[in-house]
Amino acid sequence: MKIRFKQDRRTILQILKSANMKRKIRVLDKMNGVNERDSINILLKVLEDESWILREKAAHKITQYGSRVVGRLERLLIRGYWYTRAAACLALGEIGNARSIPAIVDVLLRDDNPTVIKEASRALVRIAQNHPEAYTEAFHDLNVSKPDHDRIRESIHAAMKNQHRPGNDNE
């Protein structure tokens, strides 16, 4: 017999602090009874977790809130650990809002962590694939130097090339 418990923000955050990874994943998968605001706050908090599995799940779950979370995800791009910035890029790419292109480009140009750069490049590719007109317009409005423009193009090209390789984790 399964015991059900009331899931509220405090209970979920307590579980997410525990060492039991199975339980953390399960509670993240089924955030029942939590209002939207609390769900967003919990998912943003999980994007800062040390576990890539939890961060990836949270990044995919937070995309359901779309444009409502873009600003908060953009703020994660400029603070926190590299893995938080990478998870924020993943979520922004999944959301696909062209408004986030300047923030993603900024992190791509200023961050020196290869995983963050890879996720920022992938995010730009996803946005370009899903919203080509908005991507082109937003990218055109960017004020970047020729070397930076070339660097962005190389990173995007590498992300597109890796996207179609067999065994790629993106498929």
N, C-alpha and C. Protein backbone atom coordinates (compact mmCIF):
# COMPACT_ATOMS: atom_id res chain seq x y z
N MET A 1 0.83 -1.17 0.00
CA MET A 1 0.00 0.00 0.00
C MET A 1 0.88 1.24 0.00
N LYS A 2 0.60 2.15 -0.93
CA LYS A 2 1.36 3.39 -1.01
C LYS A 2 0.74 4.42 -0.07
N ILE A 3 1.59 5.12 0.58
CA ILE A 3 1.13 6.19 1.46
C ILE A 3 1.27 7.50 0.69
N ARG A 4 0.20 8.23 0.59
CA ARG A 4 0.23 9.51 -0.10
C ARG A 4 0.37 10.60 0.95
N PHE A 5 1.09 11.61 0.60
CA PHE A 5 1.23 12.72 1.51
C PHE A 5 0.89 14.01 0.77
N LYS A 6 0.50 14.98 1.54
CA LYS A 6 0.17 16.26 0.96
C LYS A 6 1.46 16.91 0.49
N GLN A 7 1.48 17.29 -0.78
CA GLN A 7 2.66 17.94 -1.30
C GLN A 7 2.47 19.44 -1.28
N ASP A 8 3.27 20.10 -0.51
CA ASP A 8 3.28 21.55 -0.52
C ASP A 8 4.73 21.97 -0.71
N ARG A 9 4.93 23.24 -0.87
CA ARG A 9 6.27 23.75 -1.17
C ARG A 9 7.29 23.31 -0.13
N ARG A 10 6.94 23.46 1.12
CA ARG A 10 7.87 23.12 2.21
C ARG A 10 8.24 21.64 2.19
N THR A 11 7.25 20.77 2.01
CA THR A 11 7.49 19.33 1.98
C THR A 11 8.39 18.95 0.80
N ILE A 12 8.09 19.51 -0.36
CA ILE A 12 8.88 19.19 -1.56
C ILE A 12 10.31 19.66 -1.38
N LEU A 13 10.51 20.87 -0.87
CA LEU A 13 11.87 21.37 -0.67
C LEU A 13 12.64 20.52 0.33
N GLN A 14 11.96 20.02 1.36
CA GLN A 14 12.61 19.12 2.33
C GLN A 14 13.07 17.84 1.64
N ILE A 15 12.20 17.26 0.83
CA ILE A 15 12.54 16.02 0.12
C ILE A 15 13.70 16.27 -0.83
N LEU A 16 13.70 17.41 -1.50
CA LEU A 16 14.76 17.71 -2.45
C LEU A 16 16.11 17.94 -1.78
N LYS A 17 16.11 18.18 -0.48
CA LYS A 17 17.35 18.32 0.27
C LYS A 17 17.89 16.97 0.74
N SER A 18 17.08 15.94 0.66
CA SER A 18 17.49 14.63 1.15
C SER A 18 18.51 13.99 0.21
N ALA A 19 19.08 12.89 0.64
CA ALA A 19 20.07 12.18 -0.17
C ALA A 19 19.42 11.12 -1.06
N ASN A 20 18.14 10.87 -0.89
CA ASN A 20 17.46 9.81 -1.63
C ASN A 20 17.09 10.30 -3.04
N MET A 21 17.92 9.96 -4.03
CA MET A 21 17.74 10.44 -5.39
C MET A 21 16.43 9.94 -6.01
N LYS A 22 16.09 8.68 -5.74
CA LYS A 22 14.84 8.13 -6.28
C LYS A 22 13.64 8.95 -5.81
N ARG A 23 13.65 9.25 -4.55
CA ARG A 23 12.53 10.01 -3.98
C ARG A 23 12.50 11.43 -4.54
N LYS A 24 13.66 12.02 -4.72
CA LYS A 24 13.73 13.37 -5.28
C LYS A 24 13.17 13.40 -6.70
N ILE A 25 13.55 12.44 -7.48
CA ILE A 25 13.06 12.37 -8.86
C ILE A 25 11.55 12.15 -8.88
N ARG A 26 11.09 11.26 -8.03
CA ARG A 26 9.66 10.95 -7.96
C ARG A 26 8.85 12.19 -7.56
N VAL A 27 9.30 12.92 -6.58
CA VAL A 27 8.55 14.10 -6.13
C VAL A 27 8.60 15.20 -7.19
N LEU A 28 9.71 15.29 -7.91
CA LEU A 28 9.81 16.29 -8.96
C LEU A 28 8.89 15.94 -10.13
N ASP A 29 8.76 14.66 -10.41
CA ASP A 29 7.87 14.21 -11.48
C ASP A 29 6.41 14.47 -11.16
N LYS A 30 6.06 14.39 -9.88
CA LYS A 30 4.64 14.49 -9.48
C LYS A 30 4.45 15.58 -8.45
N MET A 31 4.60 16.80 -8.86
CA MET A 31 4.38 17.91 -7.92
C MET A 31 2.90 18.21 -7.86
N ASN A 32 2.16 17.33 -7.20
CA ASN A 32 0.71 17.46 -7.08
C ASN A 32 0.35 18.48 -6.01
N GLY A 33 -0.67 19.22 -6.27
CA GLY A 33 -1.20 20.11 -5.25
C GLY A 33 -0.37 21.35 -4.99
N VAL A 34 0.58 21.64 -5.83
CA VAL A 34 1.41 22.82 -5.63
C VAL A 34 0.95 23.88 -6.63
N ASN A 35 0.72 25.08 -6.15
CA ASN A 35 0.26 26.12 -7.06
C ASN A 35 1.38 26.52 -8.03
N GLU A 36 1.00 27.23 -9.07
CA GLU A 36 1.94 27.58 -10.15
C GLU A 36 3.14 28.36 -9.64
N ARG A 37 2.90 29.35 -8.82
CA ARG A 37 4.00 30.19 -8.31
C ARG A 37 5.01 29.35 -7.53
N ASP A 38 4.51 28.49 -6.65
CA ASP A 38 5.40 27.63 -5.88
C ASP A 38 6.11 26.63 -6.78
N SER A 39 5.40 26.09 -7.77
CA SER A 39 6.03 25.15 -8.71
C SER A 39 7.20 25.81 -9.43
N ILE A 40 6.99 27.03 -9.90
CA ILE A 40 8.06 27.76 -10.59
C ILE A 40 9.23 27.98 -9.65
N ASN A 41 8.96 28.41 -8.43
CA ASN A 41 10.04 28.65 -7.47
C ASN A 41 10.80 27.37 -7.14
N ILE A 42 10.08 26.27 -7.00
CA ILE A 42 10.73 24.99 -6.73
C ILE A 42 11.61 24.58 -7.90
N LEU A 43 11.08 24.68 -9.11
CA LEU A 43 11.84 24.28 -10.30
C LEU A 43 13.07 25.16 -10.49
N LEU A 44 12.94 26.45 -10.24
CA LEU A 44 14.10 27.34 -10.33
C LEU A 44 15.16 26.95 -9.29
N LYS A 45 14.71 26.58 -8.11
CA LYS A 45 15.63 26.13 -7.06
C LYS A 45 16.35 24.85 -7.48
N VAL A 46 15.62 23.93 -8.11
CA VAL A 46 16.20 22.66 -8.54
C VAL A 46 17.22 22.89 -9.67
N LEU A 47 17.06 23.94 -10.46
CA LEU A 47 18.04 24.25 -11.49
C LEU A 47 19.41 24.56 -10.89
N GLU A 48 19.45 24.82 -9.60
CA GLU A 48 20.70 25.08 -8.90
C GLU A 48 21.23 23.86 -8.16
N ASP A 49 20.57 22.73 -8.30
CA ASP A 49 20.98 21.49 -7.63
C ASP A 49 22.25 20.93 -8.27
N GLU A 50 23.03 20.20 -7.52
CA GLU A 50 24.26 19.60 -8.04
C GLU A 50 24.01 18.43 -8.98
N SER A 51 22.84 17.83 -8.93
CA SER A 51 22.53 16.67 -9.76
C SER A 51 22.06 17.09 -11.14
N TRP A 52 22.79 16.64 -12.17
CA TRP A 52 22.41 16.95 -13.54
C TRP A 52 21.03 16.35 -13.86
N ILE A 53 20.75 15.18 -13.36
CA ILE A 53 19.46 14.53 -13.62
C ILE A 53 18.32 15.43 -13.13
N LEU A 54 18.44 15.92 -11.91
CA LEU A 54 17.39 16.79 -11.37
C LEU A 54 17.31 18.11 -12.13
N ARG A 55 18.47 18.69 -12.44
CA ARG A 55 18.46 19.96 -13.17
C ARG A 55 17.82 19.80 -14.54
N GLU A 56 18.14 18.70 -15.23
CA GLU A 56 17.59 18.48 -16.56
C GLU A 56 16.07 18.29 -16.49
N LYS A 57 15.60 17.52 -15.51
CA LYS A 57 14.16 17.34 -15.33
C LYS A 57 13.49 18.68 -15.04
N ALA A 58 14.08 19.45 -14.17
CA ALA A 58 13.51 20.76 -13.83
C ALA A 58 13.51 21.68 -15.04
N ALA A 59 14.57 21.65 -15.82
CA ALA A 59 14.65 22.50 -17.02
C ALA A 59 13.53 22.15 -17.99
N HIS A 60 13.27 20.87 -18.17
CA HIS A 60 12.21 20.45 -19.08
C HIS A 60 10.83 20.79 -18.50
N LYS A 61 10.66 20.62 -17.20
CA LYS A 61 9.36 20.90 -16.57
C LYS A 61 9.04 22.39 -16.57
N ILE A 62 10.05 23.21 -16.37
CA ILE A 62 9.79 24.65 -16.27
C ILE A 62 9.39 25.24 -17.61
N THR A 63 9.69 24.55 -18.69
CA THR A 63 9.32 25.08 -20.01
C THR A 63 7.82 25.19 -20.19
N GLN A 64 7.04 24.44 -19.42
CA GLN A 64 5.58 24.52 -19.53
C GLN A 64 5.05 25.90 -19.16
N TYR A 65 5.85 26.69 -18.45
CA TYR A 65 5.43 28.03 -18.05
C TYR A 65 5.83 29.09 -19.07
N GLY A 66 6.57 28.70 -20.09
CA GLY A 66 6.89 29.55 -21.23
C GLY A 66 7.45 30.90 -20.88
N SER A 67 6.91 31.91 -21.53
CA SER A 67 7.42 33.28 -21.41
C SER A 67 7.38 33.82 -19.98
N ARG A 68 6.52 33.24 -19.15
CA ARG A 68 6.41 33.73 -17.76
C ARG A 68 7.69 33.54 -16.96
N VAL A 69 8.55 32.59 -17.38
CA VAL A 69 9.76 32.32 -16.60
C VAL A 69 11.04 32.78 -17.30
N VAL A 70 10.92 33.33 -18.51
CA VAL A 70 12.11 33.71 -19.27
C VAL A 70 12.98 34.68 -18.50
N GLY A 71 12.40 35.72 -17.93
CA GLY A 71 13.19 36.71 -17.18
C GLY A 71 13.95 36.09 -16.01
N ARG A 72 13.31 35.19 -15.31
CA ARG A 72 13.95 34.56 -14.15
C ARG A 72 15.07 33.62 -14.61
N LEU A 73 14.85 32.94 -15.72
CA LEU A 73 15.90 32.07 -16.26
C LEU A 73 17.08 32.91 -16.74
N GLU A 74 16.80 34.04 -17.34
CA GLU A 74 17.87 34.93 -17.79
C GLU A 74 18.72 35.40 -16.61
N ARG A 75 18.08 35.64 -15.48
CA ARG A 75 18.84 36.05 -14.29
C ARG A 75 19.77 34.93 -13.82
N LEU A 76 19.35 33.67 -14.01
CA LEU A 76 20.22 32.56 -13.63
C LEU A 76 21.46 32.48 -14.52
N LEU A 77 21.39 33.07 -15.71
CA LEU A 77 22.54 33.05 -16.62
C LEU A 77 23.69 33.90 -16.11
N ILE A 78 23.40 34.83 -15.24
CA ILE A 78 24.46 35.75 -14.79
C ILE A 78 24.89 35.50 -13.35
N ARG A 79 24.36 34.47 -12.75
CA ARG A 79 24.77 34.18 -11.37
C ARG A 79 24.81 32.66 -11.18
N GLY A 80 25.39 32.28 -10.11
CA GLY A 80 25.38 30.86 -9.78
C GLY A 80 26.51 30.08 -10.42
N TYR A 81 26.47 28.80 -10.17
CA TYR A 81 27.49 27.90 -10.67
C TYR A 81 27.30 27.65 -12.16
N TRP A 82 28.33 27.12 -12.79
CA TRP A 82 28.27 26.85 -14.23
C TRP A 82 27.11 25.93 -14.58
N TYR A 83 26.83 24.96 -13.70
CA TYR A 83 25.77 24.01 -14.03
C TYR A 83 24.38 24.65 -13.97
N THR A 84 24.24 25.69 -13.16
CA THR A 84 22.99 26.43 -13.13
C THR A 84 22.82 27.21 -14.42
N ARG A 85 23.90 27.83 -14.89
CA ARG A 85 23.84 28.59 -16.14
C ARG A 85 23.55 27.66 -17.32
N ALA A 86 24.15 26.47 -17.31
CA ALA A 86 23.91 25.50 -18.38
C ALA A 86 22.45 25.04 -18.38
N ALA A 87 21.90 24.78 -17.20
CA ALA A 87 20.50 24.34 -17.09
C ALA A 87 19.55 25.46 -17.53
N ALA A 88 19.88 26.70 -17.20
CA ALA A 88 19.05 27.83 -17.63
C ALA A 88 19.07 27.95 -19.16
N CYS A 89 20.23 27.76 -19.77
CA CYS A 89 20.32 27.78 -21.24
C CYS A 89 19.47 26.67 -21.84
N LEU A 90 19.53 25.49 -21.26
CA LEU A 90 18.72 24.38 -21.74
C LEU A 90 17.24 24.74 -21.72
N ALA A 91 16.77 25.28 -20.61
CA ALA A 91 15.36 25.65 -20.49
C ALA A 91 14.99 26.77 -21.47
N LEU A 92 15.85 27.77 -21.60
CA LEU A 92 15.55 28.87 -22.52
C LEU A 92 15.48 28.39 -23.96
N GLY A 93 16.34 27.46 -24.31
CA GLY A 93 16.29 26.89 -25.66
C GLY A 93 15.01 26.12 -25.90
N GLU A 94 14.58 25.38 -24.89
CA GLU A 94 13.33 24.61 -25.00
C GLU A 94 12.12 25.54 -25.10
N ILE A 95 12.14 26.63 -24.35
CA ILE A 95 11.03 27.59 -24.41
C ILE A 95 11.02 28.26 -25.79
N GLY A 96 12.20 28.63 -26.26
CA GLY A 96 12.30 29.15 -27.62
C GLY A 96 11.85 30.58 -27.82
N ASN A 97 11.87 31.38 -26.78
CA ASN A 97 11.46 32.77 -26.90
C ASN A 97 12.63 33.59 -27.43
N ALA A 98 12.46 34.21 -28.60
CA ALA A 98 13.54 34.99 -29.22
C ALA A 98 13.98 36.16 -28.36
N ARG A 99 13.13 36.58 -27.44
CA ARG A 99 13.48 37.67 -26.52
C ARG A 99 14.73 37.33 -25.70
N SER A 100 14.97 36.05 -25.49
CA SER A 100 16.11 35.63 -24.66
C SER A 100 17.42 35.54 -25.44
N ILE A 101 17.39 35.76 -26.73
CA ILE A 101 18.61 35.64 -27.54
C ILE A 101 19.74 36.54 -27.04
N PRO A 102 19.51 37.83 -26.77
CA PRO A 102 20.62 38.65 -26.27
C PRO A 102 21.27 38.11 -25.00
N ALA A 103 20.46 37.61 -24.08
CA ALA A 103 21.00 37.06 -22.83
C ALA A 103 21.80 35.78 -23.10
N ILE A 104 21.31 34.95 -24.00
CA ILE A 104 22.02 33.71 -24.33
C ILE A 104 23.33 34.02 -25.05
N VAL A 105 23.28 34.97 -25.98
CA VAL A 105 24.50 35.37 -26.69
C VAL A 105 25.51 35.94 -25.71
N ASP A 106 25.04 36.74 -24.76
CA ASP A 106 25.94 37.32 -23.77
C ASP A 106 26.66 36.24 -22.97
N VAL A 107 25.92 35.23 -22.53
CA VAL A 107 26.56 34.16 -21.76
C VAL A 107 27.49 33.35 -22.66
N LEU A 108 27.13 33.17 -23.92
CA LEU A 108 27.98 32.45 -24.86
C LEU A 108 29.32 33.17 -25.03
N LEU A 109 29.29 34.48 -25.07
CA LEU A 109 30.51 35.27 -25.30
C LEU A 109 31.35 35.46 -24.05
N ARG A 110 30.73 35.53 -22.88
CA ARG A 110 31.50 35.86 -21.68
C ARG A 110 31.84 34.67 -20.80
N ASP A 111 31.13 33.55 -20.96
CA ASP A 111 31.37 32.40 -20.10
C ASP A 111 32.53 31.58 -20.64
N ASP A 112 33.32 31.04 -19.74
CA ASP A 112 34.46 30.22 -20.20
C ASP A 112 34.25 28.73 -19.92
N ASN A 113 33.09 28.36 -19.40
CA ASN A 113 32.83 26.95 -19.14
C ASN A 113 32.32 26.29 -20.43
N PRO A 114 32.98 25.21 -20.87
CA PRO A 114 32.59 24.56 -22.13
C PRO A 114 31.16 24.02 -22.14
N THR A 115 30.66 23.55 -21.01
CA THR A 115 29.30 23.03 -20.95
C THR A 115 28.29 24.16 -21.10
N VAL A 116 28.55 25.28 -20.48
CA VAL A 116 27.66 26.44 -20.60
C VAL A 116 27.66 26.93 -22.05
N ILE A 117 28.83 27.01 -22.65
CA ILE A 117 28.93 27.44 -24.04
C ILE A 117 28.17 26.49 -24.96
N LYS A 118 28.32 25.19 -24.71
CA LYS A 118 27.62 24.19 -25.53
C LYS A 118 26.11 24.34 -25.38
N GLU A 119 25.61 24.50 -24.15
CA GLU A 119 24.17 24.63 -23.93
C GLU A 119 23.63 25.94 -24.49
N ALA A 120 24.42 27.01 -24.39
CA ALA A 120 23.99 28.29 -24.97
C ALA A 120 23.90 28.17 -26.49
N SER A 121 24.87 27.50 -27.09
CA SER A 121 24.85 27.29 -28.54
C SER A 121 23.65 26.45 -28.95
N ARG A 122 23.40 25.39 -28.21
CA ARG A 122 22.24 24.54 -28.50
C ARG A 122 20.94 25.32 -28.36
N ALA A 123 20.87 26.18 -27.36
CA ALA A 123 19.66 26.99 -27.16
C ALA A 123 19.42 27.89 -28.38
N LEU A 124 20.47 28.51 -28.88
CA LEU A 124 20.33 29.36 -30.06
C LEU A 124 19.89 28.55 -31.27
N VAL A 125 20.44 27.35 -31.42
CA VAL A 125 20.04 26.48 -32.53
C VAL A 125 18.56 26.13 -32.42
N ARG A 126 18.10 25.76 -31.23
CA ARG A 126 16.69 25.40 -31.04
C ARG A 126 15.77 26.57 -31.39
N ILE A 127 16.15 27.75 -30.93
CA ILE A 127 15.33 28.93 -31.23
C ILE A 127 15.31 29.19 -32.73
N ALA A 128 16.47 29.09 -33.36
CA ALA A 128 16.55 29.32 -34.81
C ALA A 128 15.72 28.29 -35.58
N GLN A 129 15.74 27.05 -35.14
CA GLN A 129 14.99 26.00 -35.83
C GLN A 129 13.48 26.18 -35.65
N ASN A 130 13.06 26.57 -34.45
CA ASN A 130 11.63 26.66 -34.16
C ASN A 130 11.01 28.01 -34.52
N HIS A 131 11.82 29.05 -34.55
CA HIS A 131 11.31 30.40 -34.84
C HIS A 131 12.32 31.14 -35.71
N PRO A 132 12.53 30.70 -36.94
CA PRO A 132 13.60 31.28 -37.77
C PRO A 132 13.47 32.79 -38.01
N GLU A 133 12.25 33.27 -38.22
CA GLU A 133 12.09 34.70 -38.49
C GLU A 133 12.44 35.53 -37.25
N ALA A 134 11.91 35.13 -36.12
CA ALA A 134 12.18 35.86 -34.87
C ALA A 134 13.67 35.78 -34.52
N TYR A 135 14.28 34.62 -34.77
CA TYR A 135 15.70 34.45 -34.50
C TYR A 135 16.51 35.41 -35.37
N THR A 136 16.20 35.43 -36.66
CA THR A 136 16.94 36.28 -37.59
C THR A 136 16.82 37.74 -37.20
N GLU A 137 15.61 38.16 -36.86
CA GLU A 137 15.39 39.55 -36.47
C GLU A 137 16.15 39.89 -35.18
N ALA A 138 16.05 39.02 -34.18
CA ALA A 138 16.73 39.27 -32.90
C ALA A 138 18.24 39.26 -33.08
N PHE A 139 18.73 38.32 -33.88
CA PHE A 139 20.17 38.23 -34.08
C PHE A 139 20.67 39.44 -34.86
N HIS A 140 19.88 39.91 -35.78
CA HIS A 140 20.25 41.08 -36.58
C HIS A 140 20.35 42.32 -35.71
N ASP A 141 19.51 42.41 -34.68
CA ASP A 141 19.49 43.58 -33.80
C ASP A 141 20.62 43.58 -32.77
N LEU A 142 21.35 42.47 -32.66
CA LEU A 142 22.45 42.42 -31.71
C LEU A 142 23.58 43.33 -32.16
N ASN A 143 24.19 43.96 -31.21
CA ASN A 143 25.32 44.83 -31.52
C ASN A 143 26.60 44.14 -31.04
N VAL A 144 27.15 43.29 -31.91
CA VAL A 144 28.37 42.56 -31.54
C VAL A 144 29.46 42.84 -32.57
N SER A 145 30.69 42.74 -32.12
CA SER A 145 31.83 42.98 -32.99
C SER A 145 31.99 41.83 -33.98
N LYS A 146 32.77 42.04 -35.00
CA LYS A 146 33.01 41.01 -36.01
C LYS A 146 33.62 39.76 -35.38
N PRO A 147 34.66 39.87 -34.52
CA PRO A 147 35.19 38.65 -33.89
C PRO A 147 34.17 37.92 -33.04
N ASP A 148 33.33 38.67 -32.31
CA ASP A 148 32.28 38.04 -31.51
C ASP A 148 31.25 37.36 -32.40
N HIS A 149 30.90 38.03 -33.48
CA HIS A 149 29.94 37.46 -34.43
C HIS A 149 30.48 36.14 -34.99
N ASP A 150 31.76 36.12 -35.33
CA ASP A 150 32.39 34.90 -35.86
C ASP A 150 32.41 33.80 -34.80
N ARG A 151 32.69 34.17 -33.57
CA ARG A 151 32.71 33.20 -32.47
C ARG A 151 31.32 32.60 -32.25
N ILE A 152 30.30 33.43 -32.29
CA ILE A 152 28.93 32.95 -32.14
C ILE A 152 28.59 31.98 -33.26
N ARG A 153 28.92 32.37 -34.48
CA ARG A 153 28.62 31.53 -35.64
C ARG A 153 29.33 30.17 -35.53
N GLU A 154 30.60 30.18 -35.11
CA GLU A 154 31.34 28.92 -34.94
C GLU A 154 30.70 28.03 -33.88
N SER A 155 30.29 28.62 -32.77
CA SER A 155 29.65 27.85 -31.70
C SER A 155 28.33 27.24 -32.16
N ILE A 156 27.55 28.02 -32.89
CA ILE A 156 26.27 27.53 -33.41
C ILE A 156 26.50 26.42 -34.42
N HIS A 157 27.49 26.63 -35.28
CA HIS A 157 27.81 25.61 -36.28
C HIS A 157 28.21 24.30 -35.61
N ALA A 158 29.04 24.38 -34.57
CA ALA A 158 29.46 23.18 -33.84
C ALA A 158 28.25 22.50 -33.18
N ALA A 159 27.35 23.28 -32.63
CA ALA A 159 26.16 22.70 -31.99
C ALA A 159 25.28 22.01 -33.02
N MET A 160 25.13 22.61 -34.18
CA MET A 160 24.31 22.00 -35.24
C MET A 160 24.96 20.72 -35.75
N LYS A 161 26.26 20.73 -35.88
CA LYS A 161 27.00 19.56 -36.36
C LYS A 161 26.87 18.40 -35.37
N ASN A 162 26.99 18.70 -34.08
CA ASN A 162 26.89 17.67 -33.04
C ASN A 162 25.46 17.19 -32.82
N GLN A 163 24.50 18.00 -33.21
CA GLN A 163 23.10 17.67 -33.01
C GLN A 163 22.69 16.42 -33.80
N HIS A 164 23.32 16.20 -34.91
CA HIS A 164 22.92 15.10 -35.80
C HIS A 164 23.83 13.89 -35.74
N ARG A 165 24.73 13.85 -34.79
CA ARG A 165 25.61 12.69 -34.63
C ARG A 165 24.88 11.55 -33.97
N PRO A 166 25.15 10.30 -34.41
CA PRO A 166 24.56 9.13 -33.74
C PRO A 166 24.97 9.09 -32.27
N GLY A 167 24.02 8.72 -31.42
CA GLY A 167 24.31 8.61 -30.00
C GLY A 167 24.28 9.94 -29.27
N ASN A 168 23.88 10.99 -29.97
CA ASN A 168 23.82 12.30 -29.35
C ASN A 168 22.72 12.29 -28.28
N ASP A 169 23.00 12.89 -27.14
CA ASP A 169 22.03 12.92 -26.05
C ASP A 169 20.88 13.88 -26.31
N ASN A 170 20.94 14.58 -27.41
CA ASN A 170 19.92 15.56 -27.75
C ASN A 170 18.75 14.93 -28.50
N GLU A 171 18.85 13.68 -28.85
CA GLU A 171 17.79 13.05 -29.64
C GLU A 171 16.97 12.11 -28.81
